[in-house]
Amino acid sequence: MPDMATPVRPQRSSSRPAEILDAAAVLFADRGFHGVSIEDIGRAVGISGPGLYRHFPGKESVLARMLLGVSERLVTGGRERVDAAAAPDAALDALIRGHIEFALSEPALITVHDRELGNVPETDRRKVRRLQRSYVEQWVGVLAQLSPELPAATLRSATHATFGLLNSTPHSARAVDRDAMGRMLHGMAHGALSSVVTG
């Protein structure tokens, strides 16, 4: 297991829109989408509320860009890990490690997604859901190679259950050393999925 003591930041540029998204994620997670104003977000990054409109047309667009961005990063990262793996078991391990890195680095985004996806405009919400399904199917495809006799529905359910475990970090990781939490999640995810694919 790689050292997870150092946070793994998302692959974004150091642009002002990225700073706004990072600050908004923390605020939305802490106070809820409706409890945060444009002025609050602007203040968090040192600009006026109206100045934020130079980067985003409104608060809903900030939320939409945030959740689309994280979904796109998970899909792209998952694809790269699977493509680089020499065998299905290595691909599964790479997917687990990648998701743990995300879950430990960005718990605020997990909280915002769980609570606030319904506040994303419908067109963008459908895009997020489509990206999420694509990410799930990456895991299902790898699991199907390891246990081709199992129905896809079973593998899909196992994947969602594993995400529930890994995405517990907003609650489960607060009092535990980051590296220790990473090892714990790694072992638990492997154990949960192994119990399915090995019967």
Protein backbone atom coordinates (compact mmCIF):
# COMPACT_ATOMS: atom_id res chain seq x y z
CA MET A 1 0.00 0.00 0.00
CA PRO A 2 1.50 3.39 -0.93
CA ASP A 3 2.02 5.99 1.75
CA MET A 4 -1.21 7.93 2.08
CA ALA A 5 0.06 10.41 4.66
CA THR A 6 0.37 13.12 1.99
CA PRO A 7 -2.95 14.33 0.56
CA VAL A 8 -3.46 13.59 -3.12
CA ARG A 9 -4.95 16.70 -4.63
CA PRO A 10 -7.22 16.68 -7.66
CA GLN A 11 -5.63 17.25 -11.05
CA ARG A 12 -6.62 20.87 -11.53
CA SER A 13 -4.73 23.98 -12.53
CA SER A 14 -4.09 26.64 -9.90
CA SER A 15 -6.64 28.92 -11.60
CA ARG A 16 -9.12 31.14 -9.83
CA PRO A 17 -12.09 28.95 -10.93
CA ALA A 18 -10.37 25.96 -9.32
CA GLU A 19 -9.84 27.94 -6.11
CA ILE A 20 -13.51 28.90 -6.13
CA LEU A 21 -14.58 25.27 -6.58
CA ASP A 22 -12.33 24.08 -3.75
CA ALA A 23 -13.61 26.77 -1.38
CA ALA A 24 -17.23 26.20 -2.35
CA ALA A 25 -16.92 22.45 -1.74
CA VAL A 26 -15.82 23.08 1.85
CA LEU A 27 -18.57 25.64 2.42
CA PHE A 28 -21.32 23.50 0.87
CA ALA A 29 -20.21 20.49 2.89
CA ASP A 30 -20.17 22.50 6.12
CA ARG A 31 -23.30 24.63 5.72
CA GLY A 32 -25.30 23.11 2.88
CA PHE A 33 -25.88 24.54 -0.59
CA HIS A 34 -28.74 26.78 0.54
CA GLY A 35 -26.78 28.01 3.55
CA VAL A 36 -24.00 29.49 1.41
CA SER A 37 -24.24 32.68 -0.64
CA ILE A 38 -22.23 33.85 -3.62
CA GLU A 39 -20.76 36.46 -1.28
CA ASP A 40 -19.63 33.71 1.12
CA ILE A 41 -17.83 31.89 -1.69
CA GLY A 42 -16.22 35.06 -2.96
CA ARG A 43 -15.09 36.02 0.54
CA ALA A 44 -13.46 32.60 0.96
CA VAL A 45 -11.19 33.22 -2.02
CA GLY A 46 -10.63 36.92 -1.46
CA ILE A 47 -12.89 38.42 -4.13
CA SER A 48 -16.21 40.21 -4.00
CA GLY A 49 -19.40 38.27 -4.54
CA PRO A 50 -20.11 40.07 -7.84
CA GLY A 51 -16.53 39.37 -8.91
CA LEU A 52 -17.30 35.67 -8.76
CA TYR A 53 -19.73 36.12 -11.64
CA ARG A 54 -16.74 36.67 -13.92
CA HIS A 55 -16.03 32.96 -13.48
CA PHE A 56 -19.44 31.38 -12.88
CA PRO A 57 -22.92 32.61 -13.84
CA GLY A 58 -24.37 31.59 -10.47
CA LYS A 59 -24.20 29.34 -7.46
CA GLU A 60 -25.89 26.45 -9.28
CA SER A 61 -23.20 26.52 -11.95
CA VAL A 62 -20.51 26.33 -9.24
CA LEU A 63 -22.17 23.21 -7.84
CA ALA A 64 -22.66 21.69 -11.30
CA ARG A 65 -19.04 22.29 -12.33
CA MET A 66 -17.87 20.86 -9.02
CA LEU A 67 -19.78 17.58 -9.32
CA LEU A 68 -19.19 17.19 -13.04
CA GLY A 69 -15.48 17.76 -12.46
CA VAL A 70 -15.08 15.13 -9.77
CA SER A 71 -17.10 12.61 -11.80
CA GLU A 72 -14.95 13.24 -14.86
CA ARG A 73 -11.75 12.84 -12.83
CA LEU A 74 -12.91 9.53 -11.38
CA VAL A 75 -13.85 8.17 -14.81
CA THR A 76 -10.61 9.32 -16.43
CA GLY A 77 -8.47 8.07 -13.55
CA GLY A 78 -10.27 4.75 -13.45
CA ARG A 79 -9.79 4.21 -17.17
CA GLU A 80 -6.09 5.00 -16.93
CA ARG A 81 -5.60 2.60 -14.02
CA VAL A 82 -7.43 -0.24 -15.72
CA ASP A 83 -5.58 0.30 -19.01
CA ALA A 84 -2.21 0.31 -17.23
CA ALA A 85 -2.86 -2.88 -15.23
CA ALA A 86 -1.29 -6.12 -16.38
CA ALA A 87 -4.09 -8.35 -15.07
CA PRO A 88 -7.63 -8.05 -13.66
CA ASP A 89 -6.52 -8.43 -10.04
CA ALA A 90 -4.00 -5.64 -10.53
CA ALA A 91 -6.69 -3.49 -12.16
CA LEU A 92 -9.02 -4.02 -9.21
CA ASP A 93 -6.28 -3.12 -6.75
CA ALA A 94 -5.50 0.03 -8.76
CA LEU A 95 -9.17 1.06 -8.76
CA ILE A 96 -9.40 0.54 -5.01
CA ARG A 97 -6.22 2.52 -4.35
CA GLY A 98 -7.33 5.33 -6.63
CA HIS A 99 -10.70 5.64 -4.97
CA ILE A 100 -9.13 5.60 -1.51
CA GLU A 101 -6.83 8.45 -2.55
CA PHE A 102 -9.88 10.43 -3.66
CA ALA A 103 -11.94 9.59 -0.57
CA LEU A 104 -9.17 10.57 1.84
CA SER A 105 -8.25 13.72 -0.05
CA GLU A 106 -11.69 15.16 -0.78
CA PRO A 107 -14.26 14.17 1.82
CA ALA A 108 -16.04 17.50 1.32
CA LEU A 109 -16.86 16.55 -2.27
CA ILE A 110 -18.33 13.26 -1.10
CA THR A 111 -20.56 15.10 1.34
CA VAL A 112 -21.64 17.65 -1.25
CA HIS A 113 -22.48 14.97 -3.78
CA ASP A 114 -24.52 12.97 -1.28
CA ARG A 115 -26.51 15.98 -0.12
CA GLU A 116 -26.68 18.39 -3.02
CA LEU A 117 -26.87 16.56 -6.36
CA GLY A 118 -30.58 17.37 -6.46
CA ASN A 119 -29.71 21.09 -6.61
CA VAL A 120 -27.74 20.66 -9.85
CA PRO A 121 -29.69 21.74 -12.95
CA GLU A 122 -31.32 18.76 -14.62
CA THR A 123 -29.18 18.67 -17.77
CA ASP A 124 -25.96 18.66 -15.76
CA ARG A 125 -27.42 16.23 -13.23
CA ARG A 126 -28.02 13.74 -16.03
CA LYS A 127 -24.39 14.17 -17.14
CA VAL A 128 -23.17 13.48 -13.61
CA ARG A 129 -25.32 10.35 -13.41
CA ARG A 130 -24.04 9.16 -16.78
CA LEU A 131 -20.43 9.63 -15.68
CA GLN A 132 -21.14 7.82 -12.43
CA ARG A 133 -22.60 4.86 -14.29
CA SER A 134 -19.52 4.76 -16.50
CA TYR A 135 -17.27 4.69 -13.43
CA VAL A 136 -19.29 1.88 -11.85
CA GLU A 137 -19.11 -0.12 -15.08
CA GLN A 138 -15.30 0.13 -15.03
CA TRP A 139 -15.35 -1.73 -11.72
CA VAL A 140 -18.01 -4.17 -12.93
CA GLY A 141 -15.94 -4.97 -16.02
CA VAL A 142 -12.89 -5.79 -13.92
CA LEU A 143 -14.90 -7.88 -11.46
CA ALA A 144 -16.50 -9.76 -14.35
CA GLN A 145 -13.05 -10.81 -15.53
CA LEU A 146 -12.30 -12.16 -12.07
CA SER A 147 -15.63 -13.95 -11.71
CA PRO A 148 -17.34 -14.28 -15.11
CA GLU A 149 -20.02 -16.61 -13.79
CA LEU A 150 -21.61 -13.92 -11.62
CA PRO A 151 -24.44 -11.75 -13.00
CA ALA A 152 -23.56 -8.16 -13.78
CA ALA A 153 -26.30 -7.03 -11.38
CA THR A 154 -24.52 -8.81 -8.51
CA LEU A 155 -21.19 -7.22 -9.39
CA ARG A 156 -22.84 -3.82 -9.72
CA SER A 157 -24.41 -4.14 -6.28
CA ALA A 158 -21.06 -5.20 -4.82
CA THR A 159 -19.43 -2.15 -6.40
CA HIS A 160 -22.01 0.23 -4.95
CA ALA A 161 -21.61 -1.37 -1.53
CA THR A 162 -17.84 -0.93 -1.73
CA PHE A 163 -18.29 2.72 -2.65
CA GLY A 164 -20.42 3.09 0.46
CA LEU A 165 -17.51 1.77 2.50
CA LEU A 166 -14.84 3.88 0.81
CA ASN A 167 -16.99 7.01 0.75
CA SER A 168 -17.49 6.88 4.51
CA THR A 169 -14.42 9.07 5.03
CA PRO A 170 -16.33 12.28 5.89
CA HIS A 171 -17.37 10.40 9.06
CA SER A 172 -14.96 7.51 9.52
CA ALA A 173 -11.57 9.14 8.92
CA ARG A 174 -11.71 12.05 11.34
CA ALA A 175 -10.01 10.43 14.32
CA VAL A 176 -7.66 8.05 12.50
CA ASP A 177 -4.20 8.67 11.05
CA ARG A 178 -4.49 9.09 7.30
CA ASP A 179 -2.05 6.34 6.39
CA ALA A 180 -3.64 3.92 8.84
CA MET A 181 -7.09 4.76 7.48
CA GLY A 182 -5.86 4.14 3.95
CA ARG A 183 -4.56 0.71 4.87
CA MET A 184 -7.77 -0.10 6.71
CA LEU A 185 -9.98 0.88 3.77
CA HIS A 186 -7.75 -0.99 1.36
CA GLY A 187 -8.02 -4.22 3.33
CA MET A 188 -11.73 -3.87 3.94
CA ALA A 189 -12.52 -3.13 0.29
CA HIS A 190 -10.47 -6.09 -0.90
CA GLY A 191 -12.10 -8.32 1.69
CA ALA A 192 -15.61 -7.23 0.74
CA LEU A 193 -15.09 -7.72 -2.98
CA SER A 194 -13.16 -10.97 -2.56
CA SER A 195 -16.06 -12.42 -0.64
CA VAL A 196 -18.21 -11.83 -3.72
CA VAL A 197 -15.91 -12.85 -6.56
CA THR A 198 -14.49 -15.93 -4.82
CA GLY A 199 -17.81 -17.04 -3.32
